[in-house]
């Protein structure tokens, strides 16, 4: 798991607060209804820090919600300034759709347009994609939201498909065009 400096600080503070109260990982685990190995994994960064865990720790250590608030601040400041207003919208949304012809090529906007534009270049239907190693976009959500899969391990072509329709149409791009698209697209972390 990638170590984020601010999350590392939060984990260190959790450990210090537990030790200051004279509690072992096993004792704290019993008080918050977690195993000692879970407490240890959170403190060492092997498991993610979850809001429900922090709420329980805050209650047991009587911190007044300090740790849960720290996590909210860390998450708020982890996103770029321009994206912060969208985070709340994204949390509340049941589906997200973003149409921006300057950020996403028109080829990806409608199937009919894509088919017309790809008629001369090939749509991937006549390609052997059996060796394609598909990767799902990192901003995909757990309930199957709008997401694409990319296969960039094929010689001379990058293939793109809808992750919810793996047997559906596949768009193909030359690697230079795909790289230009990726570079021009904002990075979400």
N, C-alpha and C. Protein backbone atom coordinates (compact mmCIF):
# COMPACT_ATOMS: atom_id res chain seq x y z
N UNK A 1 0.84 -1.17 0.00
CA UNK A 1 0.00 0.00 0.00
C UNK A 1 0.89 1.24 0.00
N UNK A 2 0.54 2.21 -0.83
CA UNK A 2 1.32 3.44 -0.95
C UNK A 2 1.20 4.26 0.33
N UNK A 3 2.33 4.75 0.83
CA UNK A 3 2.34 5.55 2.05
C UNK A 3 2.19 7.02 1.70
N UNK A 4 1.15 7.64 2.21
CA UNK A 4 0.93 9.07 2.03
C UNK A 4 1.43 9.74 3.31
N UNK A 5 2.31 10.76 3.22
CA UNK A 5 2.90 11.34 4.42
C UNK A 5 1.89 11.78 5.46
N UNK A 6 0.79 12.40 5.03
CA UNK A 6 -0.20 12.86 6.01
C UNK A 6 -0.91 11.69 6.67
N UNK A 7 -1.14 10.60 5.92
CA UNK A 7 -1.75 9.41 6.53
C UNK A 7 -0.76 8.73 7.47
N UNK A 8 0.51 8.77 7.12
CA UNK A 8 1.53 8.23 8.02
C UNK A 8 1.52 9.00 9.34
N UNK A 9 1.41 10.32 9.26
CA UNK A 9 1.32 11.14 10.46
C UNK A 9 0.10 10.75 11.29
N UNK A 10 -1.05 10.56 10.64
CA UNK A 10 -2.27 10.17 11.34
C UNK A 10 -2.07 8.84 12.05
N UNK A 11 -1.47 7.88 11.35
CA UNK A 11 -1.23 6.56 11.97
C UNK A 11 -0.30 6.67 13.18
N UNK A 12 0.72 7.51 13.07
CA UNK A 12 1.64 7.70 14.20
C UNK A 12 0.90 8.31 15.39
N UNK A 13 0.00 9.24 15.11
CA UNK A 13 -0.77 9.87 16.19
C UNK A 13 -1.73 8.88 16.84
N UNK A 14 -2.30 7.99 16.04
CA UNK A 14 -3.17 6.94 16.60
C UNK A 14 -2.37 6.06 17.57
N UNK A 15 -1.18 5.66 17.12
CA UNK A 15 -0.33 4.82 17.98
C UNK A 15 0.06 5.55 19.26
N UNK A 16 0.47 6.82 19.12
CA UNK A 16 0.88 7.60 20.29
C UNK A 16 -0.27 7.78 21.28
N UNK A 17 -1.47 8.06 20.77
CA UNK A 17 -2.63 8.25 21.65
C UNK A 17 -2.98 6.95 22.37
N UNK A 18 -2.90 5.83 21.66
CA UNK A 18 -3.16 4.53 22.28
C UNK A 18 -2.16 4.25 23.38
N UNK A 19 -0.87 4.49 23.08
CA UNK A 19 0.18 4.23 24.07
C UNK A 19 0.07 5.20 25.25
N UNK A 20 -0.30 6.44 25.00
CA UNK A 20 -0.44 7.43 26.08
C UNK A 20 -1.53 7.02 27.07
N UNK A 21 -2.53 6.29 26.59
CA UNK A 21 -3.60 5.80 27.47
C UNK A 21 -3.22 4.47 28.11
N UNK A 22 -2.01 3.98 27.79
CA UNK A 22 -1.53 2.74 28.37
C UNK A 22 -2.21 1.50 27.82
N UNK A 23 -2.69 1.58 26.59
CA UNK A 23 -3.40 0.46 25.99
C UNK A 23 -2.51 -0.27 24.99
N UNK A 24 -2.59 -1.58 25.00
CA UNK A 24 -1.91 -2.38 23.97
C UNK A 24 -2.82 -2.42 22.75
N UNK A 25 -2.30 -2.91 21.65
CA UNK A 25 -3.12 -3.05 20.45
C UNK A 25 -4.28 -4.01 20.71
N UNK A 26 -4.02 -5.05 21.46
CA UNK A 26 -5.07 -6.02 21.79
C UNK A 26 -6.16 -5.39 22.66
N UNK A 27 -5.76 -4.59 23.65
CA UNK A 27 -6.75 -3.93 24.52
C UNK A 27 -7.60 -2.93 23.74
N UNK A 28 -6.95 -2.13 22.91
CA UNK A 28 -7.71 -1.18 22.10
C UNK A 28 -8.64 -1.92 21.14
N UNK A 29 -8.14 -3.00 20.55
CA UNK A 29 -8.96 -3.79 19.64
C UNK A 29 -10.23 -4.28 20.29
N UNK A 30 -10.13 -4.76 21.52
CA UNK A 30 -11.32 -5.23 22.23
C UNK A 30 -12.30 -4.08 22.48
N UNK A 31 -11.77 -2.90 22.80
CA UNK A 31 -12.63 -1.76 23.11
C UNK A 31 -13.35 -1.21 21.87
N UNK A 32 -12.72 -1.33 20.70
CA UNK A 32 -13.34 -0.81 19.47
C UNK A 32 -13.91 -1.93 18.60
N UNK A 33 -13.89 -3.18 19.12
CA UNK A 33 -14.44 -4.33 18.42
C UNK A 33 -13.67 -4.65 17.13
N UNK A 34 -12.35 -4.55 17.20
CA UNK A 34 -11.45 -4.93 16.12
C UNK A 34 -10.42 -5.90 16.69
N UNK A 35 -9.83 -6.73 15.86
CA UNK A 35 -8.78 -7.62 16.33
C UNK A 35 -7.50 -6.82 16.53
N UNK A 36 -6.59 -7.36 17.32
CA UNK A 36 -5.31 -6.69 17.53
C UNK A 36 -4.52 -6.61 16.22
N UNK A 37 -4.68 -7.62 15.37
CA UNK A 37 -3.97 -7.58 14.09
C UNK A 37 -4.52 -6.46 13.19
N UNK A 38 -5.82 -6.18 13.27
CA UNK A 38 -6.39 -5.07 12.51
C UNK A 38 -5.86 -3.73 13.04
N UNK A 39 -5.80 -3.58 14.35
CA UNK A 39 -5.27 -2.36 14.95
C UNK A 39 -3.83 -2.16 14.50
N UNK A 40 -3.05 -3.23 14.55
CA UNK A 40 -1.65 -3.17 14.13
C UNK A 40 -1.55 -2.81 12.64
N UNK A 41 -2.38 -3.44 11.81
CA UNK A 41 -2.34 -3.18 10.36
C UNK A 41 -2.68 -1.73 10.04
N UNK A 42 -3.61 -1.15 10.76
CA UNK A 42 -3.95 0.27 10.54
C UNK A 42 -2.78 1.15 10.96
N UNK A 43 -2.19 0.86 12.11
CA UNK A 43 -1.08 1.67 12.62
C UNK A 43 0.16 1.57 11.74
N UNK A 44 0.38 0.44 11.10
CA UNK A 44 1.57 0.27 10.26
C UNK A 44 1.34 0.63 8.80
N UNK A 45 0.08 0.87 8.43
CA UNK A 45 -0.23 1.25 7.06
C UNK A 45 -0.51 0.06 6.15
N UNK A 46 -0.63 -1.13 6.71
CA UNK A 46 -0.96 -2.30 5.90
C UNK A 46 -2.45 -2.36 5.57
N UNK A 47 -3.27 -1.66 6.34
CA UNK A 47 -4.71 -1.54 6.08
C UNK A 47 -5.07 -0.06 5.99
N UNK A 48 -6.06 0.27 5.18
CA UNK A 48 -6.47 1.68 5.08
C UNK A 48 -7.10 2.18 6.38
N UNK A 49 -6.97 3.47 6.61
CA UNK A 49 -7.60 4.10 7.77
C UNK A 49 -9.04 4.40 7.38
N UNK A 50 -10.00 3.79 8.07
CA UNK A 50 -11.41 3.95 7.73
C UNK A 50 -12.10 4.88 8.74
N UNK A 51 -13.05 5.67 8.26
CA UNK A 51 -13.75 6.61 9.14
C UNK A 51 -14.45 5.92 10.32
N UNK A 52 -15.06 4.75 10.10
CA UNK A 52 -15.75 4.08 11.20
C UNK A 52 -14.77 3.63 12.29
N UNK A 53 -13.59 3.20 11.88
CA UNK A 53 -12.57 2.82 12.86
C UNK A 53 -12.14 4.03 13.67
N UNK A 54 -11.90 5.14 12.99
CA UNK A 54 -11.47 6.36 13.69
C UNK A 54 -12.55 6.87 14.63
N UNK A 55 -13.81 6.75 14.24
CA UNK A 55 -14.91 7.18 15.12
C UNK A 55 -14.92 6.35 16.40
N UNK A 56 -14.68 5.05 16.27
CA UNK A 56 -14.63 4.18 17.46
C UNK A 56 -13.43 4.53 18.35
N UNK A 57 -12.27 4.75 17.71
CA UNK A 57 -11.08 5.11 18.48
C UNK A 57 -11.29 6.45 19.18
N UNK A 58 -11.86 7.42 18.46
CA UNK A 58 -12.15 8.72 19.07
C UNK A 58 -13.03 8.56 20.30
N UNK A 59 -14.03 7.68 20.20
CA UNK A 59 -14.93 7.46 21.33
C UNK A 59 -14.23 6.82 22.51
N UNK A 60 -13.43 5.80 22.26
CA UNK A 60 -12.73 5.08 23.33
C UNK A 60 -11.66 5.96 23.98
N UNK A 61 -10.91 6.70 23.16
CA UNK A 61 -9.82 7.52 23.70
C UNK A 61 -10.29 8.91 24.11
N UNK A 62 -11.58 9.20 23.91
CA UNK A 62 -12.19 10.47 24.30
C UNK A 62 -11.43 11.66 23.70
N UNK A 63 -11.28 11.62 22.38
CA UNK A 63 -10.53 12.68 21.69
C UNK A 63 -11.44 13.77 21.11
N UNK A 64 -12.74 13.60 21.26
CA UNK A 64 -13.66 14.61 20.74
C UNK A 64 -13.73 14.61 19.21
N UNK A 65 -13.47 13.48 18.58
CA UNK A 65 -13.55 13.39 17.12
C UNK A 65 -12.30 13.84 16.39
N UNK A 66 -11.20 13.99 17.10
CA UNK A 66 -9.96 14.49 16.52
C UNK A 66 -9.49 13.67 15.32
N UNK A 67 -9.44 12.35 15.47
CA UNK A 67 -8.89 11.52 14.40
C UNK A 67 -9.80 11.49 13.17
N UNK A 68 -11.11 11.42 13.36
CA UNK A 68 -12.04 11.45 12.23
C UNK A 68 -11.92 12.78 11.48
N UNK A 69 -11.75 13.87 12.21
CA UNK A 69 -11.59 15.19 11.60
C UNK A 69 -10.27 15.27 10.84
N UNK A 70 -9.20 14.69 11.41
CA UNK A 70 -7.91 14.68 10.72
C UNK A 70 -8.03 13.96 9.38
N UNK A 71 -8.75 12.83 9.35
CA UNK A 71 -8.90 12.09 8.10
C UNK A 71 -9.68 12.91 7.07
N UNK A 72 -10.71 13.61 7.51
CA UNK A 72 -11.47 14.47 6.59
C UNK A 72 -10.57 15.55 5.99
N UNK A 73 -9.74 16.16 6.82
CA UNK A 73 -8.83 17.20 6.32
C UNK A 73 -7.81 16.63 5.35
N UNK A 74 -7.28 15.47 5.67
CA UNK A 74 -6.30 14.82 4.79
C UNK A 74 -6.94 14.54 3.44
N UNK A 75 -8.15 13.98 3.46
CA UNK A 75 -8.83 13.67 2.20
C UNK A 75 -9.16 14.93 1.43
N UNK A 76 -9.57 15.99 2.12
CA UNK A 76 -9.92 17.24 1.45
C UNK A 76 -8.71 17.82 0.74
N UNK A 77 -7.58 17.81 1.42
CA UNK A 77 -6.38 18.43 0.84
C UNK A 77 -5.61 17.50 -0.10
N UNK A 78 -6.03 16.24 -0.21
CA UNK A 78 -5.36 15.31 -1.12
C UNK A 78 -5.72 15.60 -2.58
N UNK A 79 -6.89 16.16 -2.79
CA UNK A 79 -7.33 16.45 -4.16
C UNK A 79 -6.81 17.81 -4.61
N UNK A 80 -6.60 17.97 -5.91
CA UNK A 80 -6.20 19.29 -6.42
C UNK A 80 -7.31 20.32 -6.13
N UNK A 81 -6.94 21.57 -5.97
CA UNK A 81 -7.90 22.63 -5.66
C UNK A 81 -9.08 22.65 -6.62
N UNK A 82 -8.82 22.50 -7.91
CA UNK A 82 -9.89 22.60 -8.90
C UNK A 82 -10.89 21.47 -8.78
N UNK A 83 -10.50 20.33 -8.16
CA UNK A 83 -11.39 19.18 -8.08
C UNK A 83 -12.21 19.13 -6.79
N UNK A 84 -11.81 19.87 -5.78
CA UNK A 84 -12.47 19.78 -4.48
C UNK A 84 -13.97 20.00 -4.51
N UNK A 85 -14.49 20.99 -5.25
CA UNK A 85 -15.95 21.13 -5.28
C UNK A 85 -16.66 19.90 -5.85
N UNK A 86 -15.98 19.16 -6.72
CA UNK A 86 -16.59 17.99 -7.34
C UNK A 86 -16.61 16.79 -6.41
N UNK A 87 -15.76 16.76 -5.39
CA UNK A 87 -15.71 15.60 -4.51
C UNK A 87 -17.04 15.37 -3.80
N UNK A 88 -17.64 16.43 -3.28
CA UNK A 88 -18.93 16.29 -2.60
C UNK A 88 -20.00 15.84 -3.58
N UNK A 89 -20.00 16.42 -4.77
CA UNK A 89 -20.96 16.03 -5.80
C UNK A 89 -20.77 14.56 -6.15
N UNK A 90 -19.52 14.15 -6.27
CA UNK A 90 -19.22 12.76 -6.61
C UNK A 90 -19.69 11.80 -5.52
N UNK A 91 -19.54 12.17 -4.26
CA UNK A 91 -19.97 11.32 -3.15
C UNK A 91 -21.49 11.12 -3.15
N UNK A 92 -22.23 12.16 -3.50
CA UNK A 92 -23.69 12.11 -3.44
C UNK A 92 -24.33 11.56 -4.72
N UNK A 93 -23.60 11.55 -5.80
CA UNK A 93 -24.16 11.17 -7.09
C UNK A 93 -24.40 9.67 -7.19
N UNK A 94 -25.44 9.31 -7.91
CA UNK A 94 -25.68 7.89 -8.19
C UNK A 94 -25.03 7.49 -9.50
N UNK A 95 -24.80 8.47 -10.39
CA UNK A 95 -24.02 8.24 -11.60
C UNK A 95 -23.42 9.56 -12.02
N UNK A 96 -22.26 9.49 -12.67
CA UNK A 96 -21.57 10.68 -13.14
C UNK A 96 -21.39 10.58 -14.65
N UNK A 97 -21.68 11.68 -15.32
CA UNK A 97 -21.43 11.76 -16.75
C UNK A 97 -20.82 13.11 -17.02
N UNK A 98 -19.72 13.10 -17.73
CA UNK A 98 -19.01 14.34 -18.01
C UNK A 98 -18.73 14.39 -19.50
N UNK A 99 -19.31 15.35 -20.16
CA UNK A 99 -19.09 15.51 -21.59
C UNK A 99 -18.26 16.77 -21.78
N UNK A 100 -17.06 16.62 -22.23
CA UNK A 100 -16.18 17.75 -22.47
C UNK A 100 -15.36 17.49 -23.71
N UNK A 101 -15.77 18.05 -24.83
CA UNK A 101 -15.05 17.75 -26.06
C UNK A 101 -13.60 18.20 -26.06
N UNK A 102 -13.21 19.10 -25.15
CA UNK A 102 -11.81 19.51 -25.12
C UNK A 102 -10.97 18.54 -24.29
N UNK A 103 -11.60 17.77 -23.40
CA UNK A 103 -10.86 16.82 -22.57
C UNK A 103 -11.00 15.39 -23.08
N UNK A 104 -12.18 15.06 -23.62
CA UNK A 104 -12.41 13.71 -24.12
C UNK A 104 -12.70 13.82 -25.61
N UNK A 105 -11.97 13.09 -26.45
CA UNK A 105 -12.21 13.19 -27.89
C UNK A 105 -13.65 12.83 -28.23
N UNK A 106 -14.18 13.47 -29.26
CA UNK A 106 -15.53 13.21 -29.70
C UNK A 106 -15.76 11.74 -30.02
N UNK A 107 -14.70 11.02 -30.37
CA UNK A 107 -14.83 9.59 -30.68
C UNK A 107 -15.41 8.80 -29.52
N UNK A 108 -15.19 9.27 -28.30
CA UNK A 108 -15.66 8.52 -27.14
C UNK A 108 -17.04 8.97 -26.68
N UNK A 109 -17.65 9.93 -27.35
CA UNK A 109 -18.91 10.48 -26.85
C UNK A 109 -20.14 9.67 -27.25
N UNK A 110 -20.27 9.24 -28.48
CA UNK A 110 -21.41 8.41 -28.88
C UNK A 110 -20.93 7.28 -29.76
N UNK A 111 -21.65 6.19 -29.70
CA UNK A 111 -21.26 5.02 -30.50
C UNK A 111 -21.39 5.30 -31.99
N UNK A 112 -22.48 5.99 -32.39
CA UNK A 112 -22.69 6.26 -33.82
C UNK A 112 -21.56 7.12 -34.38
N UNK A 113 -21.18 8.15 -33.65
CA UNK A 113 -20.10 9.03 -34.10
C UNK A 113 -18.78 8.25 -34.17
N UNK A 114 -18.53 7.43 -33.17
CA UNK A 114 -17.30 6.65 -33.15
C UNK A 114 -17.25 5.70 -34.34
N UNK A 115 -18.36 5.04 -34.63
CA UNK A 115 -18.38 4.11 -35.76
C UNK A 115 -18.11 4.85 -37.08
N UNK A 116 -18.72 6.03 -37.24
CA UNK A 116 -18.51 6.80 -38.46
C UNK A 116 -17.05 7.24 -38.60
N UNK A 117 -16.45 7.68 -37.51
CA UNK A 117 -15.08 8.16 -37.55
C UNK A 117 -14.08 7.02 -37.73
N UNK A 118 -14.42 5.84 -37.23
CA UNK A 118 -13.49 4.71 -37.29
C UNK A 118 -13.69 3.83 -38.51
N UNK A 119 -14.67 4.16 -39.35
CA UNK A 119 -14.96 3.32 -40.51
C UNK A 119 -13.72 3.07 -41.36
N UNK A 120 -12.84 4.05 -41.51
CA UNK A 120 -11.65 3.88 -42.33
C UNK A 120 -10.46 3.33 -41.56
N UNK A 121 -10.44 3.52 -40.22
CA UNK A 121 -9.28 3.11 -39.42
C UNK A 121 -9.43 1.74 -38.81
N UNK A 122 -10.63 1.23 -38.72
CA UNK A 122 -10.86 -0.04 -38.05
C UNK A 122 -11.38 0.20 -36.66
N UNK A 123 -12.29 -0.61 -36.23
CA UNK A 123 -12.93 -0.41 -34.93
C UNK A 123 -12.50 -1.41 -33.90
N UNK A 124 -11.63 -2.31 -34.25
CA UNK A 124 -11.22 -3.33 -33.31
C UNK A 124 -12.01 -4.62 -33.51
N UNK A 125 -13.13 -4.57 -34.29
CA UNK A 125 -13.94 -5.77 -34.52
C UNK A 125 -13.18 -6.84 -35.29
N UNK A 126 -12.30 -6.42 -36.18
CA UNK A 126 -11.57 -7.37 -37.02
C UNK A 126 -10.18 -7.69 -36.44
N UNK A 127 -9.91 -7.22 -35.25
CA UNK A 127 -8.60 -7.47 -34.62
C UNK A 127 -8.67 -8.67 -33.69
N UNK A 128 -7.55 -9.35 -33.53
CA UNK A 128 -7.46 -10.41 -32.55
C UNK A 128 -7.10 -9.77 -31.21
N UNK A 129 -8.06 -9.71 -30.31
CA UNK A 129 -7.83 -9.08 -29.00
C UNK A 129 -7.67 -10.12 -27.89
N UNK A 130 -7.43 -11.38 -28.26
CA UNK A 130 -7.31 -12.44 -27.26
C UNK A 130 -6.11 -12.24 -26.33
N UNK A 131 -5.08 -11.53 -26.79
CA UNK A 131 -3.89 -11.31 -25.95
C UNK A 131 -3.92 -9.96 -25.25
N UNK A 132 -5.04 -9.24 -25.37
CA UNK A 132 -5.15 -7.92 -24.74
C UNK A 132 -5.17 -8.05 -23.22
N UNK A 133 -4.36 -7.25 -22.55
CA UNK A 133 -4.35 -7.18 -21.08
C UNK A 133 -5.12 -5.92 -20.70
N UNK A 134 -6.37 -6.09 -20.31
CA UNK A 134 -7.26 -4.95 -20.03
C UNK A 134 -7.04 -4.42 -18.63
N UNK A 135 -6.93 -3.08 -18.51
CA UNK A 135 -6.81 -2.39 -17.22
C UNK A 135 -8.00 -1.47 -17.06
N UNK A 136 -8.63 -1.51 -15.87
CA UNK A 136 -9.78 -0.65 -15.61
C UNK A 136 -9.29 0.69 -15.07
N UNK A 137 -9.97 1.77 -15.43
CA UNK A 137 -9.61 3.11 -14.96
C UNK A 137 -9.67 3.15 -13.43
N UNK A 138 -8.75 3.89 -12.82
CA UNK A 138 -8.64 3.91 -11.36
C UNK A 138 -9.80 4.61 -10.68
N UNK A 139 -10.55 5.47 -11.37
CA UNK A 139 -11.68 6.17 -10.76
C UNK A 139 -12.99 5.41 -10.90
N UNK A 140 -12.93 4.14 -11.23
CA UNK A 140 -14.14 3.33 -11.34
C UNK A 140 -14.75 3.17 -9.96
N UNK A 141 -16.07 3.13 -9.88
CA UNK A 141 -16.68 2.93 -8.57
C UNK A 141 -17.13 1.49 -8.41
N UNK A 142 -17.51 1.14 -7.17
CA UNK A 142 -17.82 -0.24 -6.84
C UNK A 142 -19.12 -0.74 -7.47
N UNK A 143 -20.07 0.14 -7.80
CA UNK A 143 -21.33 -0.31 -8.36
C UNK A 143 -21.36 -0.16 -9.89
N UNK A 144 -20.23 -0.33 -10.53
CA UNK A 144 -20.18 -0.42 -11.98
C UNK A 144 -20.43 0.88 -12.72
N UNK A 145 -19.98 1.98 -12.19
CA UNK A 145 -20.19 3.27 -12.82
C UNK A 145 -19.47 3.38 -14.15
N UNK A 146 -19.70 4.49 -14.81
CA UNK A 146 -19.11 4.72 -16.12
C UNK A 146 -17.59 4.56 -16.06
N UNK A 147 -17.07 3.64 -16.84
CA UNK A 147 -15.65 3.36 -16.77
C UNK A 147 -15.18 2.72 -18.06
N UNK A 148 -13.95 2.96 -18.40
CA UNK A 148 -13.37 2.34 -19.57
C UNK A 148 -12.23 1.42 -19.16
N UNK A 149 -11.95 0.47 -20.03
CA UNK A 149 -10.80 -0.40 -19.87
C UNK A 149 -9.88 -0.16 -21.06
N UNK A 150 -8.58 -0.21 -20.79
CA UNK A 150 -7.58 0.07 -21.81
C UNK A 150 -6.63 -1.11 -21.91
N UNK A 151 -6.29 -1.48 -23.14
CA UNK A 151 -5.27 -2.50 -23.38
C UNK A 151 -4.19 -1.85 -24.22
N UNK A 152 -3.02 -1.63 -23.61
CA UNK A 152 -1.93 -0.98 -24.34
C UNK A 152 -0.75 -1.92 -24.55
N UNK A 153 -0.99 -3.21 -24.44
CA UNK A 153 0.09 -4.18 -24.63
C UNK A 153 0.10 -4.78 -26.03
N UNK A 154 -0.78 -4.31 -26.91
CA UNK A 154 -0.84 -4.86 -28.27
C UNK A 154 0.12 -4.11 -29.19
N UNK A 155 0.71 -4.77 -30.17
CA UNK A 155 1.68 -4.09 -31.04
C UNK A 155 1.00 -3.06 -31.95
N UNK A 156 1.44 -1.80 -31.84
CA UNK A 156 1.00 -0.73 -32.72
C UNK A 156 -0.40 -0.21 -32.51
N UNK A 157 -1.06 -0.60 -31.43
CA UNK A 157 -2.44 -0.15 -31.21
C UNK A 157 -2.76 -0.11 -29.72
N UNK A 158 -3.64 0.82 -29.34
CA UNK A 158 -4.19 0.88 -27.99
C UNK A 158 -5.68 0.67 -28.15
N UNK A 159 -6.24 -0.31 -27.43
CA UNK A 159 -7.66 -0.63 -27.53
C UNK A 159 -8.38 -0.10 -26.30
N UNK A 160 -9.60 0.41 -26.50
CA UNK A 160 -10.40 0.97 -25.41
C UNK A 160 -11.82 0.40 -25.52
N UNK A 161 -12.38 -0.03 -24.36
CA UNK A 161 -13.75 -0.56 -24.36
C UNK A 161 -14.48 -0.15 -23.09
N UNK A 162 -15.78 -0.31 -23.11
CA UNK A 162 -16.63 -0.04 -21.95
C UNK A 162 -16.48 -1.22 -20.99
N UNK A 163 -16.13 -0.96 -19.73
CA UNK A 163 -15.91 -2.05 -18.77
C UNK A 163 -17.18 -2.81 -18.45
N UNK A 164 -18.35 -2.18 -18.65
CA UNK A 164 -19.61 -2.86 -18.38
C UNK A 164 -20.06 -3.73 -19.55
N UNK A 165 -19.40 -3.59 -20.71
CA UNK A 165 -19.76 -4.33 -21.90
C UNK A 165 -18.50 -4.89 -22.56
N UNK A 166 -17.80 -5.83 -21.88
CA UNK A 166 -16.52 -6.30 -22.40
C UNK A 166 -16.60 -6.97 -23.77
N UNK A 167 -17.77 -7.48 -24.15
CA UNK A 167 -17.89 -8.09 -25.47
C UNK A 167 -18.42 -7.10 -26.50
N UNK A 168 -18.62 -5.86 -26.10
CA UNK A 168 -19.12 -4.83 -27.00
C UNK A 168 -18.05 -4.24 -27.88
N UNK A 169 -18.35 -3.07 -28.47
CA UNK A 169 -17.41 -2.45 -29.41
C UNK A 169 -16.09 -2.05 -28.74
N UNK A 170 -15.04 -2.09 -29.53
CA UNK A 170 -13.71 -1.70 -29.07
C UNK A 170 -13.21 -0.59 -29.99
N UNK A 171 -12.74 0.49 -29.39
CA UNK A 171 -12.13 1.57 -30.16
C UNK A 171 -10.63 1.36 -30.17
N UNK A 172 -9.99 1.65 -31.29
CA UNK A 172 -8.54 1.50 -31.37
C UNK A 172 -7.90 2.83 -31.74
N UNK A 173 -6.73 3.05 -31.18
CA UNK A 173 -5.97 4.28 -31.43
C UNK A 173 -4.52 3.89 -31.68
N UNK A 174 -3.83 4.72 -32.44
CA UNK A 174 -2.40 4.49 -32.54
C UNK A 174 -1.79 4.98 -31.23
N UNK A 175 -0.69 4.37 -30.78
CA UNK A 175 -0.11 4.71 -29.47
C UNK A 175 0.20 6.20 -29.29
N UNK A 176 0.66 6.89 -30.32
CA UNK A 176 0.99 8.32 -30.18
C UNK A 176 -0.26 9.14 -29.90
N UNK A 177 -1.37 8.83 -30.59
CA UNK A 177 -2.62 9.55 -30.34
C UNK A 177 -3.12 9.29 -28.93
N UNK A 178 -3.01 8.03 -28.48
CA UNK A 178 -3.47 7.71 -27.13
C UNK A 178 -2.63 8.44 -26.08
N UNK A 179 -1.31 8.47 -26.28
CA UNK A 179 -0.44 9.19 -25.34
C UNK A 179 -0.82 10.65 -25.29
N UNK A 180 -1.08 11.27 -26.44
CA UNK A 180 -1.47 12.68 -26.48
C UNK A 180 -2.77 12.90 -25.71
N UNK A 181 -3.72 11.98 -25.84
CA UNK A 181 -4.98 12.07 -25.11
C UNK A 181 -4.74 11.99 -23.61
N UNK A 182 -3.94 11.01 -23.18
CA UNK A 182 -3.68 10.82 -21.75
C UNK A 182 -2.97 12.03 -21.15
N UNK A 183 -2.00 12.56 -21.87
CA UNK A 183 -1.27 13.74 -21.38
C UNK A 183 -2.21 14.94 -21.25
N UNK A 184 -3.16 15.09 -22.16
CA UNK A 184 -4.07 16.23 -22.16
C UNK A 184 -5.19 16.09 -21.15
N UNK A 185 -5.41 14.88 -20.62
CA UNK A 185 -6.48 14.63 -19.67
C UNK A 185 -5.98 14.91 -18.26
N UNK A 186 -6.78 15.62 -17.42
CA UNK A 186 -6.37 15.88 -16.03
C UNK A 186 -6.20 14.58 -15.26
N UNK A 187 -5.24 14.55 -14.35
CA UNK A 187 -4.99 13.38 -13.52
C UNK A 187 -5.78 13.50 -12.24
N UNK A 188 -6.56 12.45 -11.91
CA UNK A 188 -7.35 12.42 -10.68
C UNK A 188 -6.65 11.49 -9.71
N UNK A 189 -6.36 11.98 -8.51
CA UNK A 189 -5.72 11.12 -7.50
C UNK A 189 -6.48 11.22 -6.21
